[in-house]
């Protein structure tokens, strides 16, 4: 199933309980579609949400609203039913917003091009935490809800851990030789996996973040732009060559290429609410929804041929004891920023 978006998309997200998908475009527009297997997708909303590119979008409030972040430094909450703005903050960061994730039912986190991470309370409409944790753009984030730890990767080549209970930066890795572009937590919280610019997966043991405990180099030299956790042992990768692959972690192995979106980089991967579809977007201006059962059935025949690539690590906890310039992709092209404020959704 394909949706022609008309412009380059930078972000996408599926509704948590319905057959709805949203996409944010380079033009600042936000699209919302309803889809099913029996008919063509129907566009429900087409909103000019931001004056510059819409880089991040997530459903919030049990799917009743969509929150978006932009390179114009603004954050917008949009009502799902009417398409009307609920609230807007014009100067949420000092620089362009690059990434955004949900944390709890009432909090989200945003990261900008200068390496600042902020946590927002969507009910109180205020900034509750701010961490100047990186020296370059915040490429991706993930959240460990049990320990209230917010993990972020950056173009400066570091992985950082912010403790939301103490409001402090708990740990930061040593600089890698390449930009870190994506991050997931796997192995029941024991391992943190980061995708890098040169196609290497860096594996960190939980609690020992100074240096990685293993490197998985099977996908070099194509950068791993996005990661999507499939289960505790497998992860789906989206690479700069447009290839979507299923990888095993510990033992590290390429299980099977799943699909090829296009020849352009994969900007985002996501599951539909029922995990029937795997969604992907790229610079070909198309949102594609792959039937996950079909993909896995096709890959199942090749699993007996998979070969371990690195066995230097195990499931046990391992004791681990000027950053490169940022990759200037389309998501960072010709984008500028102004002043900041800390009042969330203030000037509606």
C-alpha atoms as a PDB file:
ATOM      1  CA  UNK A   1       0.000   0.000   0.000  1.00  0.00           C
ATOM      2  CA  UNK A   2       1.397   3.394  -1.005  1.00  0.00           C
ATOM      3  CA  UNK A   3       0.484   7.018  -0.341  1.00  0.00           C
ATOM      4  CA  UNK A   4       1.872   9.713  -2.635  1.00  0.00           C
ATOM      5  CA  UNK A   5       2.557  12.644  -0.297  1.00  0.00           C
ATOM      6  CA  UNK A   6       3.526  15.083  -3.024  1.00  0.00           C
ATOM      7  CA  UNK A   7       6.548  16.404  -1.110  1.00  0.00           C
ATOM      8  CA  UNK A   8       9.491  14.927   0.784  1.00  0.00           C
ATOM      9  CA  UNK A   9       8.411  13.577   4.202  1.00  0.00           C
ATOM     10  CA  UNK A  10      10.623  13.800   7.282  1.00  0.00           C
ATOM     11  CA  UNK A  11       8.424  12.046   9.842  1.00  0.00           C
ATOM     12  CA  UNK A  12       5.492   9.671  10.248  1.00  0.00           C
ATOM     13  CA  UNK A  13       3.504   8.042  13.045  1.00  0.00           C
ATOM     14  CA  UNK A  14       0.626   5.581  13.351  1.00  0.00           C
ATOM     15  CA  UNK A  15      -2.410   6.142  15.557  1.00  0.00           C
ATOM     16  CA  UNK A  16      -2.230   4.025  18.756  1.00  0.00           C
ATOM     17  CA  UNK A  17      -5.610   2.314  18.236  1.00  0.00           C
ATOM     18  CA  UNK A  18      -7.016   3.120  14.775  1.00  0.00           C
ATOM     19  CA  UNK A  19      -6.070   2.752  11.104  1.00  0.00           C
ATOM     20  CA  UNK A  20      -4.699   6.273  10.843  1.00  0.00           C
ATOM     21  CA  UNK A  21      -1.250   7.468   9.833  1.00  0.00           C
ATOM     22  CA  UNK A  22       0.207  10.974   9.839  1.00  0.00           C
ATOM     23  CA  UNK A  23       3.174  12.412   7.947  1.00  0.00           C
ATOM     24  CA  UNK A  24       5.095  15.675   8.300  1.00  0.00           C
ATOM     25  CA  UNK A  25       6.572  17.218   5.153  1.00  0.00           C
ATOM     26  CA  UNK A  26       9.493  19.420   4.172  1.00  0.00           C
ATOM     27  CA  UNK A  27       6.987  22.190   3.371  1.00  0.00           C
ATOM     28  CA  UNK A  28       5.770  22.320   6.981  1.00  0.00           C
ATOM     29  CA  UNK A  29       2.499  20.571   6.052  1.00  0.00           C
ATOM     30  CA  UNK A  30       0.928  17.828   8.156  1.00  0.00           C
ATOM     31  CA  UNK A  31      -1.134  15.084   6.491  1.00  0.00           C
ATOM     32  CA  UNK A  32      -3.486  12.557   8.090  1.00  0.00           C
ATOM     33  CA  UNK A  33      -4.769   9.452   6.272  1.00  0.00           C
ATOM     34  CA  UNK A  34      -7.181   6.630   6.992  1.00  0.00           C
ATOM     35  CA  UNK A  35      -6.216   3.289   5.478  1.00  0.00           C
ATOM     36  CA  UNK A  36      -7.520  -0.262   5.190  1.00  0.00           C
ATOM     37  CA  UNK A  37      -6.731  -3.296   3.102  1.00  0.00           C
ATOM     38  CA  UNK A  38      -9.835  -3.053   0.904  1.00  0.00           C
ATOM     39  CA  UNK A  39      -9.589   0.490  -0.469  1.00  0.00           C
ATOM     40  CA  UNK A  40      -7.203   3.298  -1.253  1.00  0.00           C
ATOM     41  CA  UNK A  41      -6.030   5.475   1.653  1.00  0.00           C
ATOM     42  CA  UNK A  42      -8.216   8.523   2.277  1.00  0.00           C
ATOM     43  CA  UNK A  43      -6.670  11.866   3.242  1.00  0.00           C
ATOM     44  CA  UNK A  44      -8.536  13.343   6.217  1.00  0.00           C
ATOM     45  CA  UNK A  45      -6.389  16.381   7.017  1.00  0.00           C
ATOM     46  CA  UNK A  46      -3.958  18.601   5.123  1.00  0.00           C
ATOM     47  CA  UNK A  47      -2.701  21.353   7.418  1.00  0.00           C
ATOM     48  CA  UNK A  48       0.052  23.910   6.951  1.00  0.00           C
ATOM     49  CA  UNK A  49       1.348  23.382  10.475  1.00  0.00           C
ATOM     50  CA  UNK A  50       4.715  25.173  10.318  1.00  0.00           C
ATOM     51  CA  UNK A  51       6.467  27.864   8.322  1.00  0.00           C
ATOM     52  CA  UNK A  52       9.454  25.544   7.785  1.00  0.00           C
ATOM     53  CA  UNK A  53       9.853  21.770   7.564  1.00  0.00           C
ATOM     54  CA  UNK A  54       7.869  19.523   9.894  1.00  0.00           C
ATOM     55  CA  UNK A  55      10.604  17.281  11.246  1.00  0.00           C
ATOM     56  CA  UNK A  56       8.788  15.274  13.938  1.00  0.00           C
ATOM     57  CA  UNK A  57       5.187  14.191  14.593  1.00  0.00           C
ATOM     58  CA  UNK A  58       3.594  11.968  17.243  1.00  0.00           C
ATOM     59  CA  UNK A  59       0.067  11.104  18.308  1.00  0.00           C
ATOM     60  CA  UNK A  60      -0.614  12.145  21.918  1.00  0.00           C
ATOM     61  CA  UNK A  61      -3.532  12.045  24.402  1.00  0.00           C
ATOM     62  CA  UNK A  62      -4.562   8.508  23.378  1.00  0.00           C
ATOM     63  CA  UNK A  63      -4.606   9.570  19.750  1.00  0.00           C
ATOM     64  CA  UNK A  64      -6.884  12.600  20.154  1.00  0.00           C
ATOM     65  CA  UNK A  65      -4.167  15.029  19.048  1.00  0.00           C
ATOM     66  CA  UNK A  66      -0.957  15.215  17.039  1.00  0.00           C
ATOM     67  CA  UNK A  67       2.099  17.072  18.296  1.00  0.00           C
ATOM     68  CA  UNK A  68       4.666  18.306  15.789  1.00  0.00           C
ATOM     69  CA  UNK A  69       8.105  19.932  15.954  1.00  0.00           C
ATOM     70  CA  UNK A  70       9.677  22.032  13.228  1.00  0.00           C
ATOM     71  CA  UNK A  71      12.912  23.571  12.041  1.00  0.00           C
ATOM     72  CA  UNK A  72      11.187  26.937  12.651  1.00  0.00           C
ATOM     73  CA  UNK A  73      11.606  26.051  16.383  1.00  0.00           C
ATOM     74  CA  UNK A  74       7.874  25.836  17.008  1.00  0.00           C
ATOM     75  CA  UNK A  75       5.813  23.042  18.603  1.00  0.00           C
ATOM     76  CA  UNK A  76       2.164  22.601  17.639  1.00  0.00           C
ATOM     77  CA  UNK A  77      -0.635  20.462  19.046  1.00  0.00           C
ATOM     78  CA  UNK A  78      -3.416  19.773  16.516  1.00  0.00           C
ATOM     79  CA  UNK A  79      -6.868  18.372  17.247  1.00  0.00           C
ATOM     80  CA  UNK A  80      -7.364  15.137  15.352  1.00  0.00           C
ATOM     81  CA  UNK A  81     -11.081  15.568  14.661  1.00  0.00           C
ATOM     82  CA  UNK A  82     -11.182  19.192  13.521  1.00  0.00           C
ATOM     83  CA  UNK A  83      -7.627  19.851  12.393  1.00  0.00           C
ATOM     84  CA  UNK A  84      -7.674  23.012  14.509  1.00  0.00           C
ATOM     85  CA  UNK A  85      -4.653  24.067  16.565  1.00  0.00           C
ATOM     86  CA  UNK A  86      -5.017  23.262  20.243  1.00  0.00           C
ATOM     87  CA  UNK A  87      -1.931  25.234  21.239  1.00  0.00           C
ATOM     88  CA  UNK A  88       1.321  26.467  19.751  1.00  0.00           C
ATOM     89  CA  UNK A  89       4.708  27.494  21.100  1.00  0.00           C
ATOM     90  CA  UNK A  90       6.610  29.633  18.634  1.00  0.00           C
ATOM     91  CA  UNK A  91      10.063  29.517  20.250  1.00  0.00           C
ATOM     92  CA  UNK A  92      10.359  26.207  22.010  1.00  0.00           C
ATOM     93  CA  UNK A  93      14.117  25.839  21.410  1.00  0.00           C
ATOM     94  CA  UNK A  94      17.044  28.094  20.611  1.00  0.00           C
ATOM     95  CA  UNK A  95      17.604  26.135  17.411  1.00  0.00           C
ATOM     96  CA  UNK A  96      15.658  24.003  14.956  1.00  0.00           C
ATOM     97  CA  UNK A  97      13.846  21.008  16.453  1.00  0.00           C
ATOM     98  CA  UNK A  98      15.147  17.745  15.051  1.00  0.00           C
ATOM     99  CA  UNK A  99      13.501  14.949  17.061  1.00  0.00           C
ATOM    100  CA  UNK A 100      10.465  14.304  19.258  1.00  0.00           C
ATOM    101  CA  UNK A 101       9.215  11.259  21.211  1.00  0.00           C
ATOM    102  CA  UNK A 102       6.447  10.375  23.651  1.00  0.00           C
ATOM    103  CA  UNK A 103       7.521   9.637  27.213  1.00  0.00           C
ATOM    104  CA  UNK A 104       4.424   9.199  29.407  1.00  0.00           C
ATOM    105  CA  UNK A 105       0.739   9.979  28.925  1.00  0.00           C
ATOM    106  CA  UNK A 106       1.406  13.632  29.701  1.00  0.00           C
ATOM    107  CA  UNK A 107       5.035  14.231  28.726  1.00  0.00           C
ATOM    108  CA  UNK A 108       7.032  14.409  25.503  1.00  0.00           C
ATOM    109  CA  UNK A 109      10.692  15.140  24.767  1.00  0.00           C
ATOM    110  CA  UNK A 110      12.203  17.231  21.995  1.00  0.00           C
ATOM    111  CA  UNK A 111      15.790  17.582  20.767  1.00  0.00           C
ATOM    112  CA  UNK A 112      17.257  20.368  18.650  1.00  0.00           C
ATOM    113  CA  UNK A 113      20.148  21.066  16.294  1.00  0.00           C
ATOM    114  CA  UNK A 114      22.359  22.449  19.078  1.00  0.00           C
ATOM    115  CA  UNK A 115      22.133  19.317  21.225  1.00  0.00           C
ATOM    116  CA  UNK A 116      19.562  20.531  23.749  1.00  0.00           C
ATOM    117  CA  UNK A 117      16.929  18.078  25.019  1.00  0.00           C
ATOM    118  CA  UNK A 118      13.733  19.370  26.643  1.00  0.00           C
ATOM    119  CA  UNK A 119      10.924  17.546  28.412  1.00  0.00           C
ATOM    120  CA  UNK A 120       7.426  19.053  28.213  1.00  0.00           C
ATOM    121  CA  UNK A 121       4.332  18.529  30.348  1.00  0.00           C
ATOM    122  CA  UNK A 122       1.440  18.655  27.888  1.00  0.00           C
ATOM    123  CA  UNK A 123      -1.184  19.088  30.626  1.00  0.00           C
ATOM    124  CA  UNK A 124       0.561  21.888  32.509  1.00  0.00           C
ATOM    125  CA  UNK A 125       1.851  23.259  29.186  1.00  0.00           C
ATOM    126  CA  UNK A 126       5.310  23.932  30.569  1.00  0.00           C
ATOM    127  CA  UNK A 127       8.916  22.809  30.162  1.00  0.00           C
ATOM    128  CA  UNK A 128       9.780  20.580  33.126  1.00  0.00           C
ATOM    129  CA  UNK A 129      13.354  19.556  32.203  1.00  0.00           C
ATOM    130  CA  UNK A 130      16.085  20.957  29.986  1.00  0.00           C
ATOM    131  CA  UNK A 131      19.431  19.276  29.298  1.00  0.00           C
ATOM    132  CA  UNK A 132      22.266  20.813  27.255  1.00  0.00           C
ATOM    133  CA  UNK A 133      23.669  17.374  26.693  1.00  0.00           C
ATOM    134  CA  UNK A 134      25.179  17.321  23.185  1.00  0.00           C
ATOM    135  CA  UNK A 135      27.360  19.498  20.958  1.00  0.00           C
ATOM    136  CA  UNK A 136      25.425  18.761  17.765  1.00  0.00           C
ATOM    137  CA  UNK A 137      21.927  17.824  16.639  1.00  0.00           C
ATOM    138  CA  UNK A 138      19.898  15.305  18.670  1.00  0.00           C
ATOM    139  CA  UNK A 139      19.357  12.622  16.045  1.00  0.00           C
ATOM    140  CA  UNK A 140      17.143  10.223  18.033  1.00  0.00           C
ATOM    141  CA  UNK A 141      15.824   9.458  21.516  1.00  0.00           C
ATOM    142  CA  UNK A 142      14.306   6.554  23.415  1.00  0.00           C
ATOM    143  CA  UNK A 143      12.858   6.191  26.909  1.00  0.00           C
ATOM    144  CA  UNK A 144      13.295   3.569  29.645  1.00  0.00           C
ATOM    145  CA  UNK A 145      10.050   4.036  31.586  1.00  0.00           C
ATOM    146  CA  UNK A 146      10.926   1.727  34.474  1.00  0.00           C
ATOM    147  CA  UNK A 147      14.007   3.746  35.430  1.00  0.00           C
ATOM    148  CA  UNK A 148      12.846   7.123  34.031  1.00  0.00           C
ATOM    149  CA  UNK A 149      15.958   7.399  31.862  1.00  0.00           C
ATOM    150  CA  UNK A 150      15.905   9.353  28.594  1.00  0.00           C
ATOM    151  CA  UNK A 151      18.567   8.230  26.117  1.00  0.00           C
ATOM    152  CA  UNK A 152      19.637  10.356  23.162  1.00  0.00           C
ATOM    153  CA  UNK A 153      22.077  10.093  20.264  1.00  0.00           C
ATOM    154  CA  UNK A 154      23.721  12.953  18.438  1.00  0.00           C
ATOM    155  CA  UNK A 155      25.695  14.053  15.435  1.00  0.00           C
ATOM    156  CA  UNK A 156      28.562  14.695  17.847  1.00  0.00           C
ATOM    157  CA  UNK A 157      29.041  10.925  18.087  1.00  0.00           C
ATOM    158  CA  UNK A 158      27.848  10.420  21.654  1.00  0.00           C
ATOM    159  CA  UNK A 159      25.114   8.542  23.496  1.00  0.00           C
ATOM    160  CA  UNK A 160      23.726  10.342  26.556  1.00  0.00           C
ATOM    161  CA  UNK A 161      21.516   9.286  29.452  1.00  0.00           C
ATOM    162  CA  UNK A 162      19.373  11.840  31.315  1.00  0.00           C
ATOM    163  CA  UNK A 163      17.760  10.903  34.628  1.00  0.00           C
ATOM    164  CA  UNK A 164      14.300  12.464  34.758  1.00  0.00           C
ATOM    165  CA  UNK A 165      13.924  11.719  38.477  1.00  0.00           C
ATOM    166  CA  UNK A 166      17.000  13.706  39.471  1.00  0.00           C
ATOM    167  CA  UNK A 167      16.898  16.109  36.495  1.00  0.00           C
ATOM    168  CA  UNK A 168      20.565  15.423  35.830  1.00  0.00           C
ATOM    169  CA  UNK A 169      22.700  14.111  32.994  1.00  0.00           C
ATOM    170  CA  UNK A 170      23.636  10.713  34.368  1.00  0.00           C
ATOM    171  CA  UNK A 171      26.090   9.479  31.757  1.00  0.00           C
ATOM    172  CA  UNK A 172      27.591  10.258  28.372  1.00  0.00           C
ATOM    173  CA  UNK A 173      29.637   7.998  26.146  1.00  0.00           C
ATOM    174  CA  UNK A 174      33.010   8.763  24.733  1.00  0.00           C
ATOM    175  CA  UNK A 175      33.016  10.269  21.246  1.00  0.00           C
ATOM    176  CA  UNK A 176      32.565   7.729  18.493  1.00  0.00           C
ATOM    177  CA  UNK A 177      34.365   7.974  15.196  1.00  0.00           C
ATOM    178  CA  UNK A 178      31.051   8.582  13.439  1.00  0.00           C
ATOM    179  CA  UNK A 179      27.730  10.293  14.017  1.00  0.00           C
ATOM    180  CA  UNK A 180      25.133   8.301  15.953  1.00  0.00           C
ATOM    181  CA  UNK A 181      21.795   8.479  14.141  1.00  0.00           C
ATOM    182  CA  UNK A 182      19.358   6.127  15.905  1.00  0.00           C
ATOM    183  CA  UNK A 183      18.861   4.288  19.205  1.00  0.00           C
ATOM    184  CA  UNK A 184      16.730   1.471  20.709  1.00  0.00           C
ATOM    185  CA  UNK A 185      16.777  -0.493  23.973  1.00  0.00           C
ATOM    186  CA  UNK A 186      16.799  -4.304  23.627  1.00  0.00           C
ATOM    187  CA  UNK A 187      17.506  -7.570  25.466  1.00  0.00           C
ATOM    188  CA  UNK A 188      14.975  -6.729  28.199  1.00  0.00           C
ATOM    189  CA  UNK A 189      16.747  -3.503  29.008  1.00  0.00           C
ATOM    190  CA  UNK A 190      20.258  -4.943  29.136  1.00  0.00           C
ATOM    191  CA  UNK A 191      21.501  -3.553  25.820  1.00  0.00           C
ATOM    192  CA  UNK A 192      21.301  -0.207  24.031  1.00  0.00           C
ATOM    193  CA  UNK A 193      21.757  -0.340  20.236  1.00  0.00           C
ATOM    194  CA  UNK A 194      22.865   2.720  18.238  1.00  0.00           C
ATOM    195  CA  UNK A 195      22.972   3.068  14.464  1.00  0.00           C
ATOM    196  CA  UNK A 196      25.852   5.055  13.017  1.00  0.00           C
ATOM    197  CA  UNK A 197      26.787   7.042   9.945  1.00  0.00           C
ATOM    198  CA  UNK A 198      29.206   4.423   8.619  1.00  0.00           C
ATOM    199  CA  UNK A 199      26.735   1.520   8.902  1.00  0.00           C
ATOM    200  CA  UNK A 200      27.993   0.092  12.189  1.00  0.00           C
ATOM    201  CA  UNK A 201      25.684  -0.846  15.047  1.00  0.00           C
ATOM    202  CA  UNK A 202      27.194   0.065  18.420  1.00  0.00           C
ATOM    203  CA  UNK A 203      26.055  -2.061  21.372  1.00  0.00           C
ATOM    204  CA  UNK A 204      26.215  -0.634  24.898  1.00  0.00           C
ATOM    205  CA  UNK A 205      25.616  -2.587  28.109  1.00  0.00           C
ATOM    206  CA  UNK A 206      23.056  -0.929  30.380  1.00  0.00           C
ATOM    207  CA  UNK A 207      24.756   1.072  33.113  1.00  0.00           C
ATOM    208  CA  UNK A 208      28.115   1.102  31.316  1.00  0.00           C
ATOM    209  CA  UNK A 209      27.768   3.776  28.672  1.00  0.00           C
ATOM    210  CA  UNK A 210      31.316   5.165  28.423  1.00  0.00           C
ATOM    211  CA  UNK A 211      32.236   2.855  25.567  1.00  0.00           C
ATOM    212  CA  UNK A 212      30.404   0.298  23.482  1.00  0.00           C
ATOM    213  CA  UNK A 213      30.842  -3.363  24.352  1.00  0.00           C
ATOM    214  CA  UNK A 214      30.424  -4.633  20.786  1.00  0.00           C
ATOM    215  CA  UNK A 215      30.284  -3.426  17.182  1.00  0.00           C
ATOM    216  CA  UNK A 216      28.188  -5.000  14.452  1.00  0.00           C
ATOM    217  CA  UNK A 217      29.571  -3.968  11.052  1.00  0.00           C
ATOM    218  CA  UNK A 218      27.518  -6.073   8.642  1.00  0.00           C
ATOM    219  CA  UNK A 219      25.730  -3.130   6.992  1.00  0.00           C
ATOM    220  CA  UNK A 220      28.738  -0.944   6.144  1.00  0.00           C
ATOM    221  CA  UNK A 221      29.163   1.422   4.452  1.00  0.00           C
ATOM    222  CA  UNK A 222      25.524   2.598   4.342  1.00  0.00           C
ATOM    223  CA  UNK A 223      24.462   4.693   7.314  1.00  0.00           C
ATOM    224  CA  UNK A 224      21.751   3.266   9.589  1.00  0.00           C
ATOM    225  CA  UNK A 225      19.403   6.234   9.703  1.00  0.00           C
ATOM    226  CA  UNK A 226      16.580   4.656  11.692  1.00  0.00           C
ATOM    227  CA  UNK A 227      16.011   1.687  13.993  1.00  0.00           C
ATOM    228  CA  UNK A 228      12.712   0.022  14.924  1.00  0.00           C
ATOM    229  CA  UNK A 229      12.656  -2.605  17.662  1.00  0.00           C
ATOM    230  CA  UNK A 230      10.876  -5.748  16.506  1.00  0.00           C
ATOM    231  CA  UNK A 231      11.294  -7.756  19.718  1.00  0.00           C
ATOM    232  CA  UNK A 232      13.952  -8.181  22.393  1.00  0.00           C
ATOM    233  CA  UNK A 233      16.272 -10.058  20.012  1.00  0.00           C
ATOM    234  CA  UNK A 234      15.564  -8.481  16.604  1.00  0.00           C
ATOM    235  CA  UNK A 235      15.627  -4.970  15.188  1.00  0.00           C
ATOM    236  CA  UNK A 236      14.540  -3.510  11.841  1.00  0.00           C
ATOM    237  CA  UNK A 237      16.954  -1.068  10.226  1.00  0.00           C
ATOM    238  CA  UNK A 238      16.428   1.628   7.614  1.00  0.00           C
ATOM    239  CA  UNK A 239      19.554   2.609   5.687  1.00  0.00           C
ATOM    240  CA  UNK A 240      20.652   5.453   3.458  1.00  0.00           C
ATOM    241  CA  UNK A 241      20.438   3.190   0.385  1.00  0.00           C
ATOM    242  CA  UNK A 242      16.697   2.691   0.948  1.00  0.00           C
ATOM    243  CA  UNK A 243      17.043  -0.886   2.201  1.00  0.00           C
ATOM    244  CA  UNK A 244      14.941  -2.158   5.129  1.00  0.00           C
ATOM    245  CA  UNK A 245      16.513  -5.143   6.907  1.00  0.00           C
ATOM    246  CA  UNK A 246      15.818  -7.456   9.836  1.00  0.00           C
ATOM    247  CA  UNK A 247      18.823  -7.999  12.102  1.00  0.00           C
ATOM    248  CA  UNK A 248      19.440 -10.256  15.089  1.00  0.00           C
ATOM    249  CA  UNK A 249      21.227  -8.950  18.168  1.00  0.00           C
ATOM    250  CA  UNK A 250      23.501 -11.204  20.261  1.00  0.00           C
ATOM    251  CA  UNK A 251      24.202 -13.262  18.301  1.00  0.00           C
ATOM    252  CA  UNK A 252      24.644 -10.456  15.758  1.00  0.00           C
ATOM    253  CA  UNK A 253      23.465 -11.464  12.318  1.00  0.00           C
ATOM    254  CA  UNK A 254      21.670 -10.207   9.243  1.00  0.00           C
ATOM    255  CA  UNK A 255      18.490 -12.276   9.203  1.00  0.00           C
ATOM    256  CA  UNK A 256      17.120 -10.971   5.916  1.00  0.00           C
ATOM    257  CA  UNK A 257      16.613  -7.835   3.833  1.00  0.00           C
ATOM    258  CA  UNK A 258      12.877  -7.172   4.159  1.00  0.00           C
ATOM    259  CA  UNK A 259      12.156  -4.558   1.505  1.00  0.00           C
ATOM    260  CA  UNK A 260      13.654  -1.806  -0.600  1.00  0.00           C
ATOM    261  CA  UNK A 261      11.706   1.423  -0.279  1.00  0.00           C
ATOM    262  CA  UNK A 262      13.666   3.353  -2.922  1.00  0.00           C
ATOM    263  CA  UNK A 263      17.221   4.357  -3.675  1.00  0.00           C
ATOM    264  CA  UNK A 264      16.969   7.197  -1.158  1.00  0.00           C
ATOM    265  CA  UNK A 265      17.578   7.185   2.624  1.00  0.00           C
ATOM    266  CA  UNK A 266      14.890   5.833   4.944  1.00  0.00           C
ATOM    267  CA  UNK A 267      13.771   8.717   7.171  1.00  0.00           C
ATOM    268  CA  UNK A 268      11.440   6.821   9.501  1.00  0.00           C
ATOM    269  CA  UNK A 269      10.012   3.365  10.268  1.00  0.00           C
ATOM    270  CA  UNK A 270       6.928   2.597  12.378  1.00  0.00           C
ATOM    271  CA  UNK A 271       4.405  -0.166  13.119  1.00  0.00           C
ATOM    272  CA  UNK A 272       0.653   0.237  12.738  1.00  0.00           C
ATOM    273  CA  UNK A 273      -1.310  -0.175  15.982  1.00  0.00           C
ATOM    274  CA  UNK A 274      -2.054  -3.854  15.275  1.00  0.00           C
ATOM    275  CA  UNK A 275       1.434  -4.485  13.827  1.00  0.00           C
ATOM    276  CA  UNK A 276      -0.128  -5.593  10.566  1.00  0.00           C
ATOM    277  CA  UNK A 277       1.803  -2.966   8.613  1.00  0.00           C
ATOM    278  CA  UNK A 278       5.353  -1.680   8.663  1.00  0.00           C
ATOM    279  CA  UNK A 279       5.410   1.941   7.508  1.00  0.00           C
ATOM    280  CA  UNK A 280       8.379   3.622   5.851  1.00  0.00           C
ATOM    281  CA  UNK A 281       9.086   7.030   4.328  1.00  0.00           C
ATOM    282  CA  UNK A 282      11.916   8.232   2.134  1.00  0.00           C
ATOM    283  CA  UNK A 283      12.848  11.103  -0.156  1.00  0.00           C
ATOM    284  CA  UNK A 284      10.814   9.631  -3.012  1.00  0.00           C
ATOM    285  CA  UNK A 285       7.768  11.446  -1.516  1.00  0.00           C
ATOM    286  CA  UNK A 286       5.946   8.154  -0.869  1.00  0.00           C
ATOM    287  CA  UNK A 287       4.702   6.635   2.381  1.00  0.00           C
ATOM    288  CA  UNK A 288       4.721   2.861   1.997  1.00  0.00           C
ATOM    289  CA  UNK A 289       2.923   0.340   4.208  1.00  0.00           C
ATOM    290  CA  UNK A 290       4.293  -3.173   3.958  1.00  0.00           C
ATOM    291  CA  UNK A 291       2.268  -6.186   5.072  1.00  0.00           C
ATOM    292  CA  UNK A 292       4.445  -7.433   7.901  1.00  0.00           C
ATOM    293  CA  UNK A 293       3.243 -11.050   7.679  1.00  0.00           C
ATOM    294  CA  UNK A 294       4.252 -11.180   4.024  1.00  0.00           C
ATOM    295  CA  UNK A 295       7.660  -9.675   4.760  1.00  0.00           C
ATOM    296  CA  UNK A 296       8.388 -12.120   7.558  1.00  0.00           C
ATOM    297  CA  UNK A 297       7.108 -15.097   5.593  1.00  0.00           C
ATOM    298  CA  UNK A 298       9.440 -14.232   2.768  1.00  0.00           C
ATOM    299  CA  UNK A 299      12.341 -13.790   5.170  1.00  0.00           C
ATOM    300  CA  UNK A 300      11.604 -16.959   7.110  1.00  0.00           C
ATOM    301  CA  UNK A 301      13.005 -19.162   4.355  1.00  0.00           C
ATOM    302  CA  UNK A 302      16.387 -17.500   4.714  1.00  0.00           C
ATOM    303  CA  UNK A 303      16.791 -17.726   8.476  1.00  0.00           C
ATOM    304  CA  UNK A 304      18.595 -21.049   8.341  1.00  0.00           C
ATOM    305  CA  UNK A 305      21.294 -19.408   6.225  1.00  0.00           C
ATOM    306  CA  UNK A 306      22.007 -16.539   8.590  1.00  0.00           C
ATOM    307  CA  UNK A 307      25.564 -16.334   9.854  1.00  0.00           C
ATOM    308  CA  UNK A 308      26.857 -14.634  12.991  1.00  0.00           C
ATOM    309  CA  UNK A 309      28.862 -11.513  12.237  1.00  0.00           C
ATOM    310  CA  UNK A 310      30.254 -10.732  15.663  1.00  0.00           C
ATOM    311  CA  UNK A 311      30.408 -12.915  18.731  1.00  0.00           C
ATOM    312  CA  UNK A 312      32.589 -10.734  20.924  1.00  0.00           C
ATOM    313  CA  UNK A 313      29.679 -10.012  23.282  1.00  0.00           C
ATOM    314  CA  UNK A 314      27.138 -11.991  25.270  1.00  0.00           C
ATOM    315  CA  UNK A 315      23.880 -11.329  27.071  1.00  0.00           C
ATOM    316  CA  UNK A 316      25.805 -10.711  30.296  1.00  0.00           C
ATOM    317  CA  UNK A 317      26.463  -7.172  31.531  1.00  0.00           C
ATOM    318  CA  UNK A 318      29.903  -5.990  30.400  1.00  0.00           C
ATOM    319  CA  UNK A 319      32.090  -3.600  32.374  1.00  0.00           C
ATOM    320  CA  UNK A 320      32.962  -0.607  30.214  1.00  0.00           C
ATOM    321  CA  UNK A 321      34.915   1.871  31.593  1.00  0.00           C
ATOM    322  CA  UNK A 322      36.832  17.561  18.162  1.00  0.00           C
ATOM    323  CA  UNK A 323      33.441  15.612  17.405  1.00  0.00           C
ATOM    324  CA  UNK A 324      32.895  15.228  13.619  1.00  0.00           C
ATOM    325  CA  UNK A 325      30.900  17.722  11.642  1.00  0.00           C
ATOM    326  CA  UNK A 326      27.218  16.952  11.197  1.00  0.00           C
ATOM    327  CA  UNK A 327      25.936  15.113   8.186  1.00  0.00           C
ATOM    328  CA  UNK A 328      24.044  17.736   6.154  1.00  0.00           C
ATOM    329  CA  UNK A 329      21.095  15.720   4.885  1.00  0.00           C
ATOM    330  CA  UNK A 330      17.817  17.050   3.536  1.00  0.00           C
ATOM    331  CA  UNK A 331      16.431  17.238   7.043  1.00  0.00           C
ATOM    332  CA  UNK A 332      18.992  19.909   7.944  1.00  0.00           C
ATOM    333  CA  UNK A 333      19.150  21.791   4.651  1.00  0.00           C
ATOM    334  CA  UNK A 334      18.815  25.590   4.630  1.00  0.00           C
ATOM    335  CA  UNK A 335      17.183  25.777   8.038  1.00  0.00           C
ATOM    336  CA  UNK A 336      17.693  28.539  10.585  1.00  0.00           C
ATOM    337  CA  UNK A 337      16.517  29.447  14.066  1.00  0.00           C
ATOM    338  CA  UNK A 338      15.925  32.473  16.362  1.00  0.00           C
ATOM    339  CA  UNK A 339      15.194  33.023  20.094  1.00  0.00           C
ATOM    340  CA  UNK A 340      13.734  30.630  22.681  1.00  0.00           C
ATOM    341  CA  UNK A 341      11.203  30.569  25.494  1.00  0.00           C
ATOM    342  CA  UNK A 342      10.254  27.981  28.120  1.00  0.00           C
ATOM    343  CA  UNK A 343       6.477  28.442  28.265  1.00  0.00           C
ATOM    344  CA  UNK A 344       4.801  25.507  26.517  1.00  0.00           C
ATOM    345  CA  UNK A 345       1.993  26.292  24.059  1.00  0.00           C
ATOM    346  CA  UNK A 346       1.850  29.811  25.537  1.00  0.00           C
ATOM    347  CA  UNK A 347       0.602  32.169  22.853  1.00  0.00           C
ATOM    348  CA  UNK A 348      -2.450  30.400  21.443  1.00  0.00           C
END
